[in-house]
Every structure is written in structure tokens, then in C-alpha cells.
Amino acid sequence: MSYNELSKHLATEPTADLNSFEQFSKLSHLLFPIRDNHLGFYQQPDYSHFKDSVSISNYITSEEFQHYPKVELNIDSLKNVLIQKPADSIEGIYHYGKSYRVGLFRSGDKEYLGVVVDSDVKLWKKGQIAVRLYQSGPDSFKAIYGHPLYKYYFLQNNEKLRNQTLLNSQFYAYGAHNQYTKRQYQTDFVNIPIGASKFELKRIAADVQYLLIQSFQVNTATRQKSKAFYESIKDSLTAAYLILDLRNNEGGARKEMIKYFKLLKAYSRNGNLYVLQNNGTLSQAEIVTLKLKKLKNTTTAGQTTKGMLSYGSNYGKREKLPSGRFELYITDMKGNRKFLKYEDHGIEPDVELYHASDWVDQVIERIRFSKSIVSETNRMH
């Protein structure tokens, strides 16, 4: 179906009797074909409901909360069925931190609904719809979420199920690295710990240095930290091995990225560079990852990146739809055709790391193994 045909088809469907969640879902279909993961679409949130405990209590007793989208099912029976699903199935029970649990089940052809099966927080109650997934590929989805704290709907056009976790179900202003996952209470080795410095260089072994860069942003505070950090390390990359950690790097501006790239390019002529990447490596961080992969003595390791690099946003332009209830966050940077093949899919690492143990330790183990192979080869000759 062409885009114009899709638009005409959706326009002919009745919407007058649909609740706001269903209306948002239908409008989201217009964005499904657009491969631009900087583009955003969401319901206008009403933050006044959540400014303090009194406003939250008032909201929970309001008609708006009582009519929040929900399913008319026996939730306890649904929960009992989903508990039995295999661990690698899309369907099952997903935990959102320690706040609430969602039962995800097939609701149609390549469609899934996630409803709250039990909750330890007042903002969610049994039966309310927290997630809707439209399958777009193997373990890939177009996702519509209700925000865990502010309850507004928003589109995640590039959701992925990996290691029993919906990787992009991380929401601003709520729990940082919390995600919908079946793997409750397991240590997170994939993401950078909450509260970690944006920039760090340290020696972790006699021949190994560790360099963390979490941002290429050019807002005043980050730019100043980056400038001071760069000046402090530009002559300090001296170890035989360097682990560059780009996990959860939020991207930013090319002019911030390029100075680090030039420094790392010079290092790679004689040193051995390992680059850590994960699903939180996005935008400009993905672009630099591609550049680094072309350097000699360089190995990328970890998890496939987010797939959010073809376009970008300088000014955060927002446009309300005529109803005033929904808003678009519009891309304002011209795309680069050569990156389109990575949009949605992301950049695969040279070496995939296990999610169940520390990633830096895994890289150090690889370094030690490669050194032992070289030593044995030299001994034999």
C-alpha cells in the first residue's frame, strides 16, 4: 500500500466513537512507514496531575483516570496463562522495575497488547493498557506506550525485543534504565550505571586504559565539561590497549564528535582500540562508531546500536495537530543517504558480548586471550 493510499484508507475509517488511545494508534500508522527515528509523536501531557501528592490523588479519583484505556478481561486468568509462556516468547509477563507488571498477549494479526496484571503504584491499575505492539519484523515492532508516570501516549517507532527485554522502553523522568523485561532482578551489564560521569579516563590494567564518552552534546554545561576533559586527555592515551565506552552515548554535534575521532584515529595507528556499543548508542555516536570501524587495530563489541542516525534535530521543532491533543517532534536536519541502511536496524558489533556478565571484563578477557595467542605463535617460531 502506498503512503497516499494508507492516508486515504485511514481517513475513511470512523473515529468519532474512538477513545483518545485508539485515535492516537490510528494516527501513528501514518508514521510507521517513515524511517526517521528522530521523529517523535506523542499525546500532549498534562503535568499538573503529577506535580505533588495531592494532585496525584485527585487525578486517581478523576473521571479521566477511571476511563483510561483498559480491557474487559479476567486479568487473573490472563496472568496465569501468560506465566506459562516460554521465556523466549513475545508473550508473557514483563516487569517495569518494581512498579508494576504487564501481561503481553497476542490481540490480532501481528498485534500485541500489554495490560497491567498487578501494580505496586497508584498510577496504574489492573486491566489498564500500557503497551500496544505492531510487529514489523523478527522481534521488531512499532510500539505505543503509556508513559509510566505521566500516562500520556507516545510512539516508539523502532522497538526491539532482545534478551527478553523491550530495549527502547526507557522513559524520560522515570527510572532512567528501567525497561519492560522478563528478566527481573538481574544485574544490568548492558547499560552504563545511573549517575556515572559523562566523561572519564582511567587505567584499569598495566596495559589497558578505559575511556568513557557518554555525550557529544553542545549545550553549555556539557560542552564545557567536554572541552576541559578533552584537554586533560589529549596526550594521555598511552596504553597498548584502549577500551572506548560509547554505551548510552546520546549523540550530539559533529564538531564535538570529530575532535575525539581524530584523537582515536591517531591512537589506533599504534594502539589497539576496543569500542563498546549498545542499543543506547545513538545518532552521532552511531556515526562515529561507523568511522571507528574503518580504522586499523579497532574492534567493536557489545550490542547492535539503536538505528537512529540518518537524520537529526537541531532546534527541537514541535507542531501540534489541529485537535491540540497530539504533537509531532519534527526532524530539521537533512538526512544522509549512506546511513539509511542502518536506520531502524542499527550497527552490529564485530563481537557480540554476553548480557549476563560485565562487558569491560569480557573485553579484557579477549585482550588477554589474544595476547596469549600471539605469545604462543612467537614462541613456536
Foldseek 3Di string as FASTA:
>chain_A
DDLVVLVVVLVPDDDPPPDPVVVQVSVCVSCLVPLAQVKKKWWDFDCQCPPDPVSVVVVLPDPCLVVADFDPDDLVVLQVVQCPDDLPDPFHWWDQAQFFIWGWDDDDDQKIWTFTSPGPDSSHDGGHTAKIWRDDDVQWTWMWGQPPRRRIIIIRSQWGQDPQWGQPQADPPPDGRGTTGPPPPADFQQADDPPDDQWDWDAPDPQEIETHHQELADDPVVVVVLVVRCVVCLPPPDHQEYEYEHELRQYYDPVSVVVVLVSVLVCQVRHAYEYEYEQNQDANSLVSVVVQVPHHNYFYEEYFYNQNHFFAADDQDKDADPVNGMIMRDTDGHGDVVSSVSRSPGDGGPYHDDRRDHPVVVVVVVVVVVVVVVVVVVVVD
